[in-house]
C-alpha cells in the first residue's frame, strides 16, 4: 500500500507544491520551518483545502475525489483540535459515528483505543481539563479509532511539556511502528524527524528541497536550512583546481581551499556543495600562524551555550558556526560584536561534487 501525493495549492498569492510518496512499511517525516506549507499539505490531503489541485491516491484509488469524511485517513492535528463540548470518549468515538457506525459500537471501540493509547485519561473528562500531553494522546486515539488506512501526525509534540515529551515520543514510536499503512509525520523539529522517521521530505517556502533517509540528510544536507538542522556549515560555489592536489571552492565573497577529490578529473565544476563541522573550526583572538589553509575574520553574532560547549555564530565571508569549549570561550572573552579569527583545515571539508540548485542558499 502506497500513499502518493502530488498536489499544488495556490491561495493568498502563495504557492505550496509537493510530490512524494509514503509506503506502508515506512514513516515519512515532512520536515520544514514554520510557514513552509506543511499544514497546508496535510489539509489538502484531508480534503480541507478547496484550492488544491493534483491528486492524492492510495495505491490505485484516487482518494482526493472522496469527500473528507470518507477518506481513509486518520489525522492527529497540531494542538489536538478536540471538540470542546464533547467528552474524551465522545471525541474518540466521533470518527466511527461519522462513518455510519452504531453509537454503542463506536463508544466501545473508543474505550478500547483509549485503554491502549491514553489509559490514565478519564473518558468522561472534557478537553479543557487535560494537559497538553493528555490532549495529544486523546487526539492520537481519535485518529486511530476510525480504523484508517493512512495515519498522519501533525506536530504531535509541539504543545507537550518537556517533562512529558520523552514518554509521548516513545508512544508515538510504538504507534507508528504498529500501524500497518503509510505514516506521515509533520514536524519542524529535527529530533522528531530523525528519531521517528524512516525517510524525510524537507519542505522550504512551499517546495520540496530534499528527500532522503535521516542518515542521508545528516551526511549530505542540500540547503542551508537542512545544514543548520544537523549542525553543519554548508557552502556552495564553483570548484576550481589549484596546485598540490587541492582545489578552491569559490563562494560569494571568499575562496575556500579544499582537497581535490581523488575520483574527479581536474576541471572547473559549478554548483558544488561542501560541509564543515563546527567542531572542526578553531577560533583565535589574533590571526593564527601555522598549517591551517583557511583563515577567516568575522564578527561574533551569537553565542549559545550547550553544556560544556559553546556554539559561536560568525558574520563574515563565509558566515560560519564554530563549536568550542566553554573554557576556551571564557578565556577569549567571546561575546557578540567581538572580532575574531576562524581557522580550519582543508582536509576537514567534505565535498559533494554533484551539481546542486543554485538558489538553495
Protein backbone atom coordinates (compact mmCIF):
# COMPACT_ATOMS: atom_id res chain seq x y z
CA UNK A 1 0.00 0.00 0.00
CA UNK A 2 1.42 3.36 -1.04
CA UNK A 3 0.18 6.88 -0.41
CA UNK A 4 1.06 9.06 -3.41
CA UNK A 5 0.80 12.84 -3.01
CA UNK A 6 1.17 15.22 -5.96
CA UNK A 7 -0.57 18.49 -5.17
CA UNK A 8 -0.41 22.22 -5.75
CA UNK A 9 -2.19 24.76 -3.55
CA UNK A 10 -2.38 28.41 -4.56
CA UNK A 11 -4.05 30.77 -2.13
CA UNK A 12 -3.38 34.27 -0.96
CA UNK A 13 -0.74 34.73 -3.66
CA UNK A 14 1.33 31.87 -2.19
CA UNK A 15 2.04 28.52 -3.81
CA UNK A 16 2.67 25.26 -1.99
CA UNK A 17 3.53 22.24 -4.08
CA UNK A 18 4.64 18.76 -3.12
CA UNK A 19 5.08 15.41 -4.81
CA UNK A 20 6.20 12.45 -2.72
CA UNK A 21 5.07 9.03 -1.54
CA UNK A 22 4.80 7.09 1.71
CA UNK A 23 4.87 3.30 1.65
CA UNK A 24 3.09 1.03 4.09
CA UNK A 25 6.36 -0.08 5.65
CA UNK A 26 7.73 3.37 6.44
CA UNK A 27 7.18 6.58 8.35
CA UNK A 28 7.84 9.67 6.23
CA UNK A 29 8.55 12.94 8.01
CA UNK A 30 7.54 16.18 6.31
CA UNK A 31 10.11 18.49 7.89
CA UNK A 32 10.30 22.24 7.49
CA UNK A 33 10.30 25.58 9.32
CA UNK A 34 7.13 27.27 10.49
CA UNK A 35 5.31 28.72 7.49
CA UNK A 36 6.86 26.32 4.98
CA UNK A 37 3.44 24.95 4.00
CA UNK A 38 3.39 21.66 5.92
CA UNK A 39 -0.08 22.10 7.41
CA UNK A 40 -1.41 23.23 4.03
CA UNK A 41 -0.31 19.88 2.58
CA UNK A 42 -1.97 17.97 5.43
CA UNK A 43 -5.21 19.89 4.96
CA UNK A 44 -5.10 19.25 1.20
CA UNK A 45 -4.60 15.52 1.74
CA UNK A 46 -7.52 15.56 4.19
CA UNK A 47 -9.73 17.37 1.68
CA UNK A 48 -10.00 20.59 3.68
CA UNK A 49 -8.45 22.90 1.05
CA UNK A 50 -10.73 23.55 -1.94
CA UNK A 51 -7.90 25.37 -3.76
CA UNK A 52 -5.82 22.17 -4.02
CA UNK A 53 -5.18 20.67 -7.45
CA UNK A 54 -3.39 17.48 -8.44
CA UNK A 55 -4.08 14.10 -6.89
CA UNK A 56 -3.82 12.07 -3.72
CA UNK A 57 -4.01 8.32 -4.23
CA UNK A 58 -3.79 5.20 -2.13
CA UNK A 59 -2.46 2.52 -4.42
CA UNK A 60 -4.77 2.86 -7.45
CA UNK A 61 -7.60 4.68 -5.65
CA UNK A 62 -7.93 8.45 -6.09
CA UNK A 63 -8.93 9.39 -2.55
CA UNK A 64 -8.83 13.11 -3.42
CA UNK A 65 -12.12 12.51 -5.25
CA UNK A 66 -13.78 11.46 -1.99
CA UNK A 67 -15.35 13.90 0.50
CA UNK A 68 -13.24 14.46 3.64
CA UNK A 69 -15.36 12.20 5.87
CA UNK A 70 -14.92 9.25 3.51
CA UNK A 71 -11.17 9.48 3.07
CA UNK A 72 -9.48 6.55 4.88
CA UNK A 73 -7.16 8.87 6.78
CA UNK A 74 -6.64 9.32 10.50
CA UNK A 75 -5.17 12.69 11.47
CA UNK A 76 -3.96 13.88 14.84
CA UNK A 77 -3.85 17.62 14.28
CA UNK A 78 -1.47 20.06 15.96
CA UNK A 79 -2.65 21.01 19.49
CA UNK A 80 -5.14 18.13 19.40
CA UNK A 81 -8.05 20.18 17.96
CA UNK A 82 -10.55 18.23 20.05
CA UNK A 83 -14.25 19.11 20.16
CA UNK A 84 -14.51 21.18 23.37
CA UNK A 85 -18.18 20.35 24.04
CA UNK A 86 -17.65 16.57 23.83
CA UNK A 87 -16.12 14.29 26.43
CA UNK A 88 -12.89 12.44 25.77
CA UNK A 89 -14.86 9.29 24.98
CA UNK A 90 -17.20 11.05 22.56
CA UNK A 91 -14.25 12.73 20.85
CA UNK A 92 -12.59 9.37 20.22
CA UNK A 93 -15.88 7.77 19.17
CA UNK A 94 -16.62 10.54 16.67
CA UNK A 95 -14.81 9.04 13.60
CA UNK A 96 -16.68 5.75 13.95
CA UNK A 97 -20.05 7.50 14.27
CA UNK A 98 -19.27 9.94 11.42
CA UNK A 99 -18.65 6.98 9.11
CA UNK A 100 -22.03 5.44 9.87
CA UNK A 101 -21.16 3.18 12.79
CA UNK A 102 -23.61 2.40 15.57
CA UNK A 103 -23.15 4.78 18.53
CA UNK A 104 -22.76 1.99 21.08
CA UNK A 105 -20.22 0.09 19.00
CA UNK A 106 -18.29 3.31 18.29
CA UNK A 107 -18.10 4.06 22.03
CA UNK A 108 -16.93 0.55 22.90
CA UNK A 109 -14.24 0.72 20.25
CA UNK A 110 -13.25 4.18 21.54
CA UNK A 111 -12.87 2.80 25.08
CA UNK A 112 -10.61 0.06 23.76
CA UNK A 113 -8.39 2.52 21.89
CA UNK A 114 -8.24 4.85 24.91
CA UNK A 115 -7.16 2.00 27.18
CA UNK A 116 -4.26 1.38 24.82
CA UNK A 117 -3.24 4.96 23.99
CA UNK A 118 -4.38 7.05 26.98
CA UNK A 119 -5.00 4.67 29.90
CA UNK A 120 -4.73 7.36 32.59
CA UNK A 121 -7.14 9.82 30.95
CA UNK A 122 -10.71 9.95 32.29
CA UNK A 123 -13.07 9.13 29.38
CA UNK A 124 -15.69 11.45 30.88
CA UNK A 125 -13.35 14.46 31.07
CA UNK A 126 -13.70 17.50 28.83
CA UNK A 127 -10.67 18.52 26.71
CA UNK A 128 -10.28 21.83 28.58
CA UNK A 129 -9.33 19.94 31.75
CA UNK A 130 -6.49 17.97 30.13
CA UNK A 131 -2.77 18.67 29.98
CA UNK A 132 -1.08 19.10 26.62
CA UNK A 133 0.29 15.56 26.72
CA UNK A 134 -3.12 14.09 27.60
CA UNK A 135 -4.83 16.06 24.82
CA UNK A 136 -2.30 14.76 22.32
CA UNK A 137 -2.89 11.18 23.47
CA UNK A 138 -6.62 11.65 23.00
CA UNK A 139 -6.05 13.17 19.54
CA UNK A 140 -3.91 10.16 18.62
CA UNK A 141 -6.60 7.79 19.92
CA UNK A 142 -9.24 9.61 17.85
CA UNK A 143 -7.06 9.36 14.73
CA UNK A 144 -6.76 5.59 15.22
CA UNK A 145 -10.37 4.96 16.26
CA UNK A 146 -11.70 5.25 12.71
CA UNK A 147 -9.54 2.28 11.59
CA UNK A 148 -7.76 4.41 8.94
CA UNK A 149 -5.52 3.07 6.21
CA UNK A 150 -3.26 6.16 6.44
CA UNK A 151 -2.07 7.83 9.67
CA UNK A 152 -0.95 11.48 9.75
CA UNK A 153 0.53 13.15 12.84
CA UNK A 154 0.72 16.95 12.59
CA UNK A 155 3.30 18.42 15.02
CA UNK A 156 2.44 15.82 17.69
CA UNK A 157 4.84 17.17 20.34
CA UNK A 158 4.50 20.92 19.79
CA UNK A 159 2.09 21.53 22.67
CA UNK A 160 3.56 18.99 25.09
CA UNK A 161 5.59 19.91 28.17
CA UNK A 162 9.25 18.95 28.09
CA UNK A 163 8.72 16.63 31.07
CA UNK A 164 6.13 14.59 29.14
CA UNK A 165 7.80 14.71 25.74
CA UNK A 166 10.08 11.67 26.12
CA UNK A 167 7.23 9.40 27.25
CA UNK A 168 4.96 10.59 24.44
CA UNK A 169 7.74 10.19 21.88
CA UNK A 170 8.07 6.54 22.96
CA UNK A 171 4.32 6.09 22.50
CA UNK A 172 4.44 7.70 19.06
CA UNK A 173 7.34 5.48 18.03
CA UNK A 174 5.44 2.34 19.08
CA UNK A 175 2.20 3.51 17.47
CA UNK A 176 3.88 4.35 14.16
CA UNK A 177 5.69 1.01 14.09
CA UNK A 178 2.48 -0.91 14.82
CA UNK A 179 0.40 0.87 12.21
CA UNK A 180 0.00 -1.21 9.02
CA UNK A 181 -0.49 1.59 6.49
CA UNK A 182 1.55 4.58 5.33
CA UNK A 183 2.51 7.02 8.11
CA UNK A 184 3.17 10.73 7.63
CA UNK A 185 4.79 12.75 10.43
CA UNK A 186 4.62 16.53 10.03
CA UNK A 187 7.13 18.45 12.13
CA UNK A 188 9.54 21.37 12.36
CA UNK A 189 11.62 19.51 14.97
CA UNK A 190 14.65 17.68 13.54
CA UNK A 191 14.85 15.46 16.64
CA UNK A 192 11.34 14.16 15.96
CA UNK A 193 12.13 13.62 12.30
CA UNK A 194 15.47 11.92 12.90
CA UNK A 195 14.22 9.61 15.65
CA UNK A 196 10.74 8.71 14.39
CA UNK A 197 11.00 8.66 10.58
CA UNK A 198 12.42 6.21 8.08
CA UNK A 199 12.57 8.87 5.38
CA UNK A 200 12.50 12.67 5.46
CA UNK A 201 10.98 15.13 2.98
CA UNK A 202 12.34 18.65 3.57
CA UNK A 203 9.90 21.44 2.71
CA UNK A 204 11.02 25.07 2.47
CA UNK A 205 8.96 28.04 1.31
CA UNK A 206 6.30 25.83 -0.23
CA UNK A 207 8.54 23.44 -2.14
CA UNK A 208 10.47 20.26 -1.52
CA UNK A 209 14.22 20.85 -1.41
CA UNK A 210 15.50 17.41 -0.38
CA UNK A 211 14.38 13.87 0.36
CA UNK A 212 16.35 11.05 1.93
CA UNK A 213 16.87 8.87 4.96
CA UNK A 214 17.84 10.55 8.24
CA UNK A 215 21.42 9.45 7.65
CA UNK A 216 21.46 10.90 4.13
CA UNK A 217 20.10 14.23 5.40
CA UNK A 218 22.71 14.30 8.17
CA UNK A 219 25.59 13.45 5.87
CA UNK A 220 24.66 15.44 2.77
CA UNK A 221 22.31 18.36 3.54
CA UNK A 222 21.36 20.14 0.32
CA UNK A 223 20.29 23.52 1.69
CA UNK A 224 21.41 25.87 4.43
CA UNK A 225 18.24 25.12 6.39
CA UNK A 226 18.98 21.39 6.33
CA UNK A 227 22.61 22.00 7.25
CA UNK A 228 21.56 24.15 10.22
CA UNK A 229 19.23 21.39 11.36
CA UNK A 230 22.01 18.82 11.52
CA UNK A 231 24.56 21.30 12.86
CA UNK A 232 26.82 21.69 9.84
CA UNK A 233 28.21 24.63 7.89
CA UNK A 234 27.21 24.41 4.24
CA UNK A 235 28.89 26.16 1.30
CA UNK A 236 28.00 26.22 -2.38
CA UNK A 237 30.11 27.55 -5.20
CA UNK A 238 32.43 26.84 -8.12
CA UNK A 239 35.26 24.37 -7.58
CA UNK A 240 38.49 25.26 -9.39
CA UNK A 241 41.64 23.06 -9.36
CA UNK A 242 44.81 24.59 -7.94
CA UNK A 243 48.30 23.26 -7.35
CA UNK A 244 49.27 20.48 -4.97
CA UNK A 245 46.21 18.27 -5.44
CA UNK A 246 43.94 20.90 -3.96
CA UNK A 247 41.05 23.00 -5.15
CA UNK A 248 39.44 26.30 -4.35
CA UNK A 249 35.72 26.47 -3.72
CA UNK A 250 34.77 29.98 -4.81
CA UNK A 251 31.73 31.24 -2.95
CA UNK A 252 30.33 34.78 -2.74
CA UNK A 253 32.98 36.98 -1.17
CA UNK A 254 35.53 34.25 -0.44
CA UNK A 255 37.53 31.27 -1.61
CA UNK A 256 37.94 28.09 0.48
CA UNK A 257 40.84 25.70 -0.04
CA UNK A 258 39.73 22.07 -0.20
CA UNK A 259 41.36 18.73 -1.09
CA UNK A 260 40.65 17.74 -4.68
CA UNK A 261 38.51 14.56 -4.84
CA UNK A 262 40.56 11.55 -5.90
CA UNK A 263 37.92 10.25 -8.31
CA UNK A 264 37.24 13.57 -10.07
CA UNK A 265 39.32 14.82 -13.01
CA UNK A 266 40.68 18.38 -12.60
CA UNK A 267 38.17 20.76 -14.15
CA UNK A 268 36.04 23.73 -13.17
CA UNK A 269 32.83 22.45 -11.58
CA UNK A 270 29.78 24.59 -10.85
CA UNK A 271 27.18 24.07 -8.16
CA UNK A 272 29.45 22.15 -5.78
CA UNK A 273 28.33 21.74 -2.17
CA UNK A 274 30.65 21.34 0.81
CA UNK A 275 30.08 20.81 4.53
CA UNK A 276 32.23 21.60 7.55
CA UNK A 277 31.54 20.52 11.13
CA UNK A 278 31.52 23.39 13.67
CA UNK A 279 33.83 21.39 15.95
CA UNK A 280 36.50 21.44 13.20
CA UNK A 281 36.77 25.24 13.36
CA UNK A 282 39.25 26.89 15.76
CA UNK A 283 38.78 30.47 16.97
CA UNK A 284 41.61 32.91 17.71
CA UNK A 285 41.84 36.42 19.15
CA UNK A 286 44.51 37.30 16.54
CA UNK A 287 45.38 35.94 13.13
CA UNK A 288 46.83 32.44 13.60
CA UNK A 289 50.06 31.18 12.13
CA UNK A 290 50.83 27.63 11.13
CA UNK A 291 49.27 24.95 8.95
CA UNK A 292 45.56 25.79 8.52
CA UNK A 293 44.85 26.51 4.84
CA UNK A 294 41.72 28.53 5.61
CA UNK A 295 41.69 31.61 7.84
CA UNK A 296 38.65 33.89 8.04
CA UNK A 297 37.96 37.01 10.08
CA UNK A 298 34.43 37.54 11.34
CA UNK A 299 32.27 39.27 13.90
CA UNK A 300 30.59 37.26 16.63
CA UNK A 301 26.82 37.41 16.13
CA UNK A 302 25.63 34.95 18.73
CA UNK A 303 26.98 32.65 21.44
CA UNK A 304 24.88 29.66 22.55
CA UNK A 305 25.99 27.52 25.49
CA UNK A 306 25.20 23.80 25.19
CA UNK A 307 26.55 22.03 28.26
CA UNK A 308 30.33 22.36 28.19
CA UNK A 309 30.33 23.53 24.55
CA UNK A 310 29.76 26.98 23.07
CA UNK A 311 28.36 27.41 19.54
CA UNK A 312 29.59 30.69 18.11
CA UNK A 313 27.92 32.17 15.03
CA UNK A 314 30.17 34.45 12.98
CA UNK A 315 29.22 37.00 10.34
CA UNK A 316 31.80 37.12 7.58
CA UNK A 317 32.71 35.69 4.20
CA UNK A 318 31.82 32.95 4.61
CA UNK A 319 29.44 33.03 7.55
CA UNK A 320 30.36 30.27 9.98
CA UNK A 321 29.20 28.45 13.08
CA UNK A 322 32.06 27.22 15.27
CA UNK A 323 31.86 24.98 18.31
CA UNK A 324 34.46 25.37 21.06
CA UNK A 325 34.64 24.55 24.75
CA UNK A 326 33.08 26.98 27.19
CA UNK A 327 36.53 27.26 28.82
CA UNK A 328 38.03 28.48 25.55
CA UNK A 329 35.17 30.91 25.06
CA UNK A 330 35.65 32.31 28.56
CA UNK A 331 39.41 32.67 28.13
CA UNK A 332 38.94 34.57 24.88
CA UNK A 333 36.09 36.65 26.26
CA UNK A 334 33.87 35.69 23.32
CA UNK A 335 30.77 37.90 23.12
CA UNK A 336 28.55 39.40 20.40
CA UNK A 337 30.23 42.21 18.46
CA UNK A 338 33.75 40.88 19.04
CA UNK A 339 36.08 40.42 16.03
CA UNK A 340 37.80 37.01 15.93
CA UNK A 341 39.72 34.82 13.51
CA UNK A 342 38.49 31.37 12.49
CA UNK A 343 40.72 28.70 11.01
CA UNK A 344 40.04 25.24 9.63
CA UNK A 345 41.99 22.67 7.69
CA UNK A 346 41.20 21.82 4.07
CA UNK A 347 41.03 18.11 4.90
CA UNK A 348 38.12 18.72 7.29
CA UNK A 349 35.85 19.87 4.45
CA UNK A 350 33.57 17.30 2.86
CA UNK A 351 32.78 17.91 -0.81
CA UNK A 352 29.65 16.90 -2.72
CA UNK A 353 30.68 17.47 -6.28
CA UNK A 354 27.37 16.62 -7.94
CA UNK A 355 25.71 19.88 -9.07
CA UNK A 356 23.02 21.35 -6.80
CA UNK A 357 20.37 24.03 -7.46
CA UNK A 358 21.95 27.46 -7.45
CA UNK A 359 19.15 29.12 -5.48
CA UNK A 360 19.20 26.90 -2.39
CA UNK A 361 21.44 29.18 -0.32
